[in-house]
Amino acid sequence: MPSVQIPRSARAFWSSGRGTGEIRTAALPAPGQGEVVVRTLHSAVSRGTESLVFRGAVPPVEHERMRAPFQEGSFDGPVKYGYSNVGIVESGPPELLGRSVFCLYPHQTRYVVPASSVHPLPRDVPPQRAVLAANLETAINGLWDAAPSIGDRIAVVGGGVVGLLVAWLAAGIPGCAVELIDTNAARAGVAVALGASFAESGSATPDADLVIHASGNPDGLPLALALAGAEATVLEMSWYGDRPVTVPLGEAFHSRRLTLRSSQVGSIALAQRARWSHARRMNLVLGLLADPRLDLLITGDTPFADLPALMARLAAGEPALRNALCERIDYSHASGGEA
């Protein structure tokens, strides 16, 4: 690959923490020993978490635990936040030069990171699809926490990107019958294409062996508890930031001896922790992204320059975006900085 002149600056998206955002100029340091320069091709908005960050809804007690690997600023705002970036290595070790890579980096046109922080894409995984890696990592860790068994009846409440990925993974377990439940009937076709059945909330199948809640809406958790059969586990994958949530632990919660547990991708699930590193988990993620059906989860392609406006629309819950799933950000016309 011919030598590329690396600009001295880049462009990055920052949230104010008060429902506004802007594109800022960022200094681009010269790469040191063991570092790479990556030119971004695509990033993706993690709709639930990034909307909370954009609105300033991360509770102070979680400020340190919720930091992204290459975050700048604080959740009080302004903050440069994000963790789904796919690009091309322009400078670095020969074995990485010219490779498409995934990195847990915010929305920025170019960046410099340790070579150990980038993950080369398998040859059969296109960069356009690889933006799903962070969400798929969350889904895998959630299923590890949930520990489904062969033949389980599994209900997944919430048909966003993470819920659909969980349903897709669970549908691959022999004998499992997976039902995706969502208030939006537009999710039905995607669910079926990924191997799950679909039901709206009023017609969901009861007595599930395992229920996974991933709707991001507090109203979905009572439904998840109601669908669980005796001795079943309800796994809560939604994160609500500073929003209070009412959980109905009366009714049949005790008589059915239900288990309600949480999942968070920052820590590898306990049963795998002794053998799995974050790098091994990411290698699994990237290999699974070879399935072309996952392209159904990418419904938007927004130019980088329009990201501040898109985030404002997502955070406000604009009705026109009700059917949106993964919002991919395109950098093909973005200015990478000044030479």
Protein backbone atom coordinates (compact mmCIF):
# COMPACT_ATOMS: atom_id res chain seq x y z
CA MET A 1 0.00 0.00 0.00
CA PRO A 2 1.51 3.40 -0.96
CA SER A 3 2.40 5.88 1.77
CA VAL A 4 -0.46 8.16 2.82
CA GLN A 5 0.10 11.71 4.04
CA ILE A 6 -1.70 11.89 7.36
CA PRO A 7 -3.54 15.15 8.16
CA ARG A 8 -2.75 16.93 11.42
CA SER A 9 -6.39 17.31 12.43
CA ALA A 10 -9.69 15.48 12.21
CA ARG A 11 -13.37 16.19 12.75
CA ALA A 12 -15.28 14.72 15.72
CA PHE A 13 -18.84 14.74 17.03
CA TRP A 14 -19.42 16.10 20.55
CA SER A 15 -22.61 16.11 22.64
CA SER A 16 -23.34 19.01 24.93
CA GLY A 17 -25.20 16.74 27.35
CA ARG A 18 -28.23 19.02 27.02
CA GLY A 19 -29.79 17.75 23.81
CA THR A 20 -27.50 19.44 21.29
CA GLY A 21 -24.34 18.40 19.47
CA GLU A 22 -21.72 19.75 17.12
CA ILE A 23 -18.84 18.76 14.87
CA ARG A 24 -15.51 19.99 16.25
CA THR A 25 -11.94 20.03 14.97
CA ALA A 26 -9.70 17.55 16.80
CA ALA A 27 -5.91 17.54 16.88
CA LEU A 28 -4.48 14.38 15.32
CA PRO A 29 -1.17 13.42 16.98
CA ALA A 30 1.60 11.72 15.06
CA PRO A 31 1.41 7.96 15.66
CA GLY A 32 4.02 6.50 17.98
CA GLN A 33 5.55 3.06 18.18
CA GLY A 34 2.82 0.43 18.19
CA GLU A 35 0.07 2.86 17.16
CA VAL A 36 -2.12 3.05 14.08
CA VAL A 37 -3.89 5.83 12.19
CA VAL A 38 -7.40 4.85 11.14
CA ARG A 39 -9.49 6.70 8.56
CA THR A 40 -13.14 6.16 9.41
CA LEU A 41 -15.47 4.65 6.82
CA HIS A 42 -18.56 4.19 8.99
CA SER A 43 -19.68 4.54 12.56
CA ALA A 44 -23.02 3.69 14.13
CA VAL A 45 -25.23 5.26 16.75
CA SER A 46 -26.04 3.03 19.71
CA ARG A 47 -29.50 4.52 19.93
CA GLY A 48 -30.42 3.83 23.55
CA THR A 49 -27.17 4.67 25.33
CA GLU A 50 -26.11 7.52 23.06
CA SER A 51 -29.52 9.18 23.35
CA LEU A 52 -29.16 9.11 27.13
CA VAL A 53 -25.69 10.64 26.85
CA PHE A 54 -26.96 13.23 24.38
CA ARG A 55 -29.71 14.30 26.80
CA GLY A 56 -27.39 14.30 29.81
CA ALA A 57 -29.32 11.45 31.48
CA VAL A 58 -26.35 9.41 32.77
CA PRO A 59 -26.59 9.44 36.59
CA PRO A 60 -23.47 10.81 38.35
CA VAL A 61 -22.93 7.52 40.19
CA GLU A 62 -22.39 5.81 36.81
CA HIS A 63 -20.10 8.41 35.22
CA GLU A 64 -16.92 6.38 35.64
CA ARG A 65 -18.38 2.93 34.92
CA MET A 66 -20.09 4.15 31.73
CA ARG A 67 -17.00 5.73 30.16
CA ALA A 68 -16.30 4.53 26.62
CA PRO A 69 -12.71 3.39 25.89
CA PHE A 70 -11.70 6.57 24.00
CA GLN A 71 -14.20 9.01 25.45
CA GLU A 72 -13.18 12.64 25.94
CA GLY A 73 -14.99 15.01 28.26
CA SER A 74 -17.54 14.02 30.88
CA PHE A 75 -21.20 13.04 30.85
CA ASP A 76 -22.13 16.44 32.26
CA GLY A 77 -21.08 17.63 28.80
CA PRO A 78 -19.54 18.37 26.52
CA VAL A 79 -18.47 14.81 25.74
CA LYS A 80 -17.09 12.89 22.76
CA TYR A 81 -18.77 9.52 23.11
CA GLY A 82 -19.36 6.44 20.99
CA TYR A 83 -18.06 2.91 20.50
CA SER A 84 -18.84 1.60 17.03
CA ASN A 85 -16.29 2.67 14.42
CA VAL A 86 -15.09 0.93 11.26
CA GLY A 87 -12.22 2.27 9.19
CA ILE A 88 -9.05 1.59 7.22
CA VAL A 89 -5.56 1.58 8.75
CA GLU A 90 -3.52 4.24 6.96
CA SER A 91 -0.38 4.03 9.07
CA GLY A 92 0.88 1.33 11.38
CA PRO A 93 2.41 -2.16 11.45
CA PRO A 94 2.73 -3.76 7.99
CA GLU A 95 0.28 -6.56 8.86
CA LEU A 96 -2.46 -3.97 9.54
CA LEU A 97 -1.71 -1.43 6.82
CA GLY A 98 -4.67 -1.14 4.47
CA ARG A 99 -6.85 -3.49 6.54
CA SER A 100 -10.45 -2.70 7.44
CA VAL A 101 -10.78 -2.72 11.22
CA PHE A 102 -13.34 -2.28 13.98
CA CYS A 103 -12.58 -0.09 16.99
CA LEU A 104 -14.53 1.03 20.06
CA TYR A 105 -13.98 4.66 19.09
CA PRO A 106 -16.37 7.65 18.96
CA HIS A 107 -17.62 9.37 15.80
CA GLN A 108 -14.48 10.95 14.27
CA THR A 109 -13.04 11.15 10.77
CA ARG A 110 -9.54 9.91 11.70
CA TYR A 111 -7.92 8.82 14.94
CA VAL A 112 -4.74 7.41 16.45
CA VAL A 113 -4.97 4.43 18.82
CA PRO A 114 -2.76 1.53 19.97
CA ALA A 115 -2.65 -1.22 17.38
CA SER A 116 -4.00 -3.60 20.02
CA SER A 117 -7.25 -1.59 20.11
CA VAL A 118 -8.26 -2.35 16.52
CA HIS A 119 -9.76 -5.62 15.32
CA PRO A 120 -9.21 -6.62 11.66
CA LEU A 121 -12.40 -7.62 9.88
CA PRO A 122 -12.66 -11.13 8.44
CA ARG A 123 -12.47 -11.06 4.64
CA ASP A 124 -16.14 -12.06 4.34
CA VAL A 125 -17.45 -9.25 6.57
CA PRO A 126 -18.04 -5.96 4.72
CA PRO A 127 -17.21 -2.73 6.60
CA GLN A 128 -20.79 -1.53 6.10
CA ARG A 129 -22.10 -4.43 8.24
CA ALA A 130 -19.29 -4.39 10.78
CA VAL A 131 -20.81 -1.35 12.52
CA LEU A 132 -23.12 -3.87 14.22
CA ALA A 133 -20.19 -5.32 16.17
CA ALA A 134 -20.75 -3.41 19.42
CA ASN A 135 -24.45 -4.32 19.55
CA LEU A 136 -23.71 -7.95 18.72
CA GLU A 137 -21.13 -8.07 21.50
CA THR A 138 -23.86 -6.88 23.89
CA ALA A 139 -26.26 -9.54 22.59
CA ILE A 140 -23.71 -12.34 22.96
CA ASN A 141 -22.86 -11.32 26.51
CA GLY A 142 -26.57 -11.14 27.32
CA LEU A 143 -27.19 -14.69 26.11
CA TRP A 144 -24.18 -15.87 28.09
CA ASP A 145 -25.74 -14.29 31.17
CA ALA A 146 -29.16 -15.78 30.35
CA ALA A 147 -27.75 -19.30 29.73
CA PRO A 148 -30.55 -20.70 27.53
CA SER A 149 -30.92 -24.45 27.17
CA ILE A 150 -31.63 -26.63 24.14
CA GLY A 151 -35.36 -26.66 23.45
CA ASP A 152 -36.23 -23.58 25.51
CA ARG A 153 -39.17 -21.36 24.68
CA ILE A 154 -37.56 -17.92 24.64
CA ALA A 155 -39.38 -14.60 24.59
CA VAL A 156 -37.45 -11.49 23.57
CA VAL A 157 -39.30 -8.30 24.50
CA GLY A 158 -38.13 -5.39 22.37
CA GLY A 159 -37.37 -5.40 18.66
CA GLY A 160 -34.55 -2.89 18.51
CA VAL A 161 -31.11 -3.84 17.22
CA VAL A 162 -29.99 -5.62 20.40
CA GLY A 163 -33.30 -7.46 20.80
CA LEU A 164 -33.24 -8.64 17.20
CA LEU A 165 -29.63 -9.79 17.52
CA VAL A 166 -30.49 -11.72 20.69
CA ALA A 167 -33.43 -13.34 18.88
CA TRP A 168 -31.19 -14.26 15.93
CA LEU A 169 -28.57 -15.87 18.18
CA ALA A 170 -31.14 -17.70 20.28
CA ALA A 171 -32.93 -19.02 17.18
CA GLY A 172 -29.72 -20.85 16.27
CA ILE A 173 -29.85 -22.99 19.42
CA PRO A 174 -31.28 -26.42 18.52
CA GLY A 175 -34.91 -26.89 19.43
CA CYS A 176 -35.44 -23.36 20.75
CA ALA A 177 -38.62 -21.55 19.80
CA VAL A 178 -37.92 -17.82 19.87
CA GLU A 179 -40.66 -15.19 19.85
CA LEU A 180 -39.87 -11.50 19.43
CA ILE A 181 -42.44 -9.19 21.02
CA ASP A 182 -42.74 -5.54 20.05
CA THR A 183 -45.42 -2.87 19.80
CA ASN A 184 -44.26 -2.08 16.26
CA ALA A 185 -45.59 -4.60 13.74
CA ALA A 186 -42.97 -3.43 11.25
CA ARG A 187 -40.47 -5.60 13.17
CA ALA A 188 -42.26 -8.80 12.17
CA GLY A 189 -40.57 -9.27 8.80
CA VAL A 190 -37.08 -8.77 10.21
CA ALA A 191 -37.76 -11.14 13.11
CA VAL A 192 -38.98 -13.90 10.79
CA ALA A 193 -36.00 -13.42 8.44
CA LEU A 194 -33.70 -13.90 11.43
CA GLY A 195 -35.38 -17.13 12.48
CA ALA A 196 -37.81 -15.95 15.16
CA SER A 197 -41.58 -15.65 15.25
CA PHE A 198 -43.25 -12.32 16.06
CA ALA A 199 -46.07 -11.17 18.32
CA GLU A 200 -47.39 -7.83 19.42
CA SER A 201 -47.52 -7.35 23.18
CA GLY A 202 -51.19 -8.29 23.55
CA SER A 203 -50.79 -11.66 21.83
CA ALA A 204 -47.44 -12.89 23.14
CA THR A 205 -47.11 -16.55 24.15
CA PRO A 206 -47.04 -17.02 27.95
CA ASP A 207 -45.02 -19.44 30.12
CA ALA A 208 -41.64 -18.87 28.50
CA ASP A 209 -38.63 -20.73 29.87
CA LEU A 210 -36.52 -17.61 29.45
CA VAL A 211 -37.49 -13.97 28.87
CA ILE A 212 -35.04 -11.33 27.70
CA HIS A 213 -36.08 -7.70 27.99
CA ALA A 214 -34.34 -5.33 25.57
CA SER A 215 -36.95 -2.72 24.71
CA GLY A 216 -35.35 0.19 26.58
CA ASN A 217 -38.86 1.12 27.73
CA PRO A 218 -39.83 0.66 31.41
CA ASP A 219 -43.29 -0.53 30.27
CA GLY A 220 -41.69 -3.60 28.71
CA LEU A 221 -40.38 -5.03 31.96
CA PRO A 222 -43.81 -5.83 33.49
CA LEU A 223 -44.68 -7.63 30.24
CA ALA A 224 -41.43 -9.61 30.44
CA LEU A 225 -42.25 -10.70 33.99
CA ALA A 226 -45.80 -11.62 32.97
CA LEU A 227 -44.56 -13.88 30.15
CA ALA A 228 -42.18 -15.88 32.35
CA GLY A 229 -43.17 -19.40 33.34
CA ALA A 230 -42.59 -20.99 36.74
CA GLU A 231 -38.95 -20.84 37.92
CA ALA A 232 -38.00 -18.92 34.75
CA THR A 233 -35.32 -16.24 34.41
CA VAL A 234 -36.04 -12.72 33.17
CA LEU A 235 -32.88 -11.05 31.92
CA GLU A 236 -32.94 -7.24 31.90
CA MET A 237 -30.72 -5.83 29.13
CA SER A 238 -32.25 -2.34 29.00
CA TRP A 239 -30.48 0.55 30.72
CA TYR A 240 -32.54 3.53 31.77
CA GLY A 241 -29.92 6.04 32.87
CA ASP A 242 -31.39 8.32 35.54
CA ARG A 243 -35.01 7.36 34.78
CA PRO A 244 -36.83 5.61 37.66
CA VAL A 245 -38.45 2.28 36.81
CA THR A 246 -41.35 0.60 38.63
CA VAL A 247 -41.05 -3.19 38.76
CA PRO A 248 -44.16 -5.27 39.71
CA LEU A 249 -42.64 -7.65 42.23
CA GLY A 250 -46.06 -8.42 43.69
CA GLU A 251 -48.62 -10.36 41.65
CA ALA A 252 -47.15 -13.78 40.73
CA PHE A 253 -43.46 -12.86 40.97
CA HIS A 254 -42.89 -14.83 44.19
CA SER A 255 -45.34 -17.66 43.66
CA ARG A 256 -43.73 -18.46 40.30
CA ARG A 257 -40.28 -18.14 41.91
CA LEU A 258 -38.95 -15.96 39.08
CA THR A 259 -35.36 -14.79 38.78
CA LEU A 260 -34.73 -11.23 37.60
CA ARG A 261 -31.13 -10.52 36.69
CA SER A 262 -29.16 -7.87 34.86
CA SER A 263 -26.59 -7.99 32.05
CA GLN A 264 -23.94 -5.47 31.09
CA VAL A 265 -21.43 -5.86 28.28
CA GLY A 266 -18.53 -4.14 30.08
CA SER A 267 -17.87 -7.32 32.11
CA ILE A 268 -17.71 -10.73 30.48
CA ALA A 269 -20.44 -13.05 31.75
CA LEU A 270 -19.34 -14.89 34.88
CA ALA A 271 -19.51 -18.41 33.43
CA GLN A 272 -17.12 -17.41 30.61
CA ARG A 273 -14.88 -14.99 32.49
CA ALA A 274 -12.10 -17.42 33.39
CA ARG A 275 -11.47 -18.39 29.76
CA TRP A 276 -12.65 -15.49 27.61
CA SER A 277 -10.92 -12.15 27.10
CA HIS A 278 -12.56 -9.12 25.51
CA ALA A 279 -10.39 -9.74 22.42
CA ARG A 280 -11.59 -13.35 22.12
CA ARG A 281 -15.20 -12.19 22.48
CA MET A 282 -14.71 -9.58 19.74
CA ASN A 283 -13.19 -12.17 17.42
CA LEU A 284 -16.34 -14.25 17.91
CA VAL A 285 -18.49 -11.19 17.16
CA LEU A 286 -16.69 -10.35 13.93
CA GLY A 287 -16.86 -13.94 12.68
CA LEU A 288 -20.63 -14.09 13.27
CA LEU A 289 -21.14 -10.90 11.26
CA ALA A 290 -20.55 -12.88 8.05
CA ASP A 291 -24.32 -13.61 7.93
CA PRO A 292 -25.77 -11.31 5.21
CA ARG A 293 -29.22 -11.38 6.85
CA LEU A 294 -27.87 -8.93 9.41
CA ASP A 295 -27.94 -6.19 6.76
CA LEU A 296 -31.68 -5.99 7.54
CA LEU A 297 -30.78 -4.29 10.81
CA ILE A 298 -29.18 -1.30 9.10
CA THR A 299 -31.95 1.07 8.07
CA GLY A 300 -30.25 4.46 7.91
CA ASP A 301 -27.17 5.90 6.21
CA THR A 302 -26.55 9.46 7.40
CA PRO A 303 -23.62 11.66 6.29
CA PHE A 304 -21.26 12.50 9.14
CA ALA A 305 -21.97 16.23 8.77
CA ASP A 306 -25.64 15.55 9.58
CA LEU A 307 -24.95 13.56 12.77
CA PRO A 308 -25.81 16.42 15.19
CA ALA A 309 -29.26 16.79 13.62
CA LEU A 310 -29.80 13.00 13.57
CA MET A 311 -28.93 12.67 17.26
CA ALA A 312 -31.38 15.42 18.15
CA ARG A 313 -34.13 13.61 16.23
CA LEU A 314 -33.33 10.24 17.82
CA ALA A 315 -33.14 11.65 21.34
CA ALA A 316 -36.46 13.43 20.85
CA GLY A 317 -38.15 10.20 19.68
CA GLU A 318 -39.22 11.70 16.37
CA PRO A 319 -42.13 9.65 14.95
CA ALA A 320 -40.56 9.54 11.48
CA LEU A 321 -37.74 7.42 12.97
CA ARG A 322 -40.05 4.93 14.68
CA ASN A 323 -39.11 2.14 12.28
CA ALA A 324 -35.39 2.94 12.33
CA LEU A 325 -32.97 0.28 13.57
CA CYS A 326 -29.22 0.77 13.24
CA GLU A 327 -28.36 4.31 12.13
CA ARG A 328 -25.09 4.03 10.20
CA ILE A 329 -22.98 7.15 9.73
CA ASP A 330 -21.20 7.55 6.39
CA TYR A 331 -17.84 9.34 6.14
CA SER A 332 -17.30 9.19 2.36
CA HIS A 333 -17.72 12.96 2.00
CA ALA A 334 -16.39 13.98 5.41
CA SER A 335 -13.39 16.26 5.65
CA GLY A 336 -10.65 14.44 7.51
CA GLY A 337 -8.78 17.55 8.57
CA GLU A 338 -6.04 19.75 7.26
CA ALA A 339 -2.76 18.44 5.88
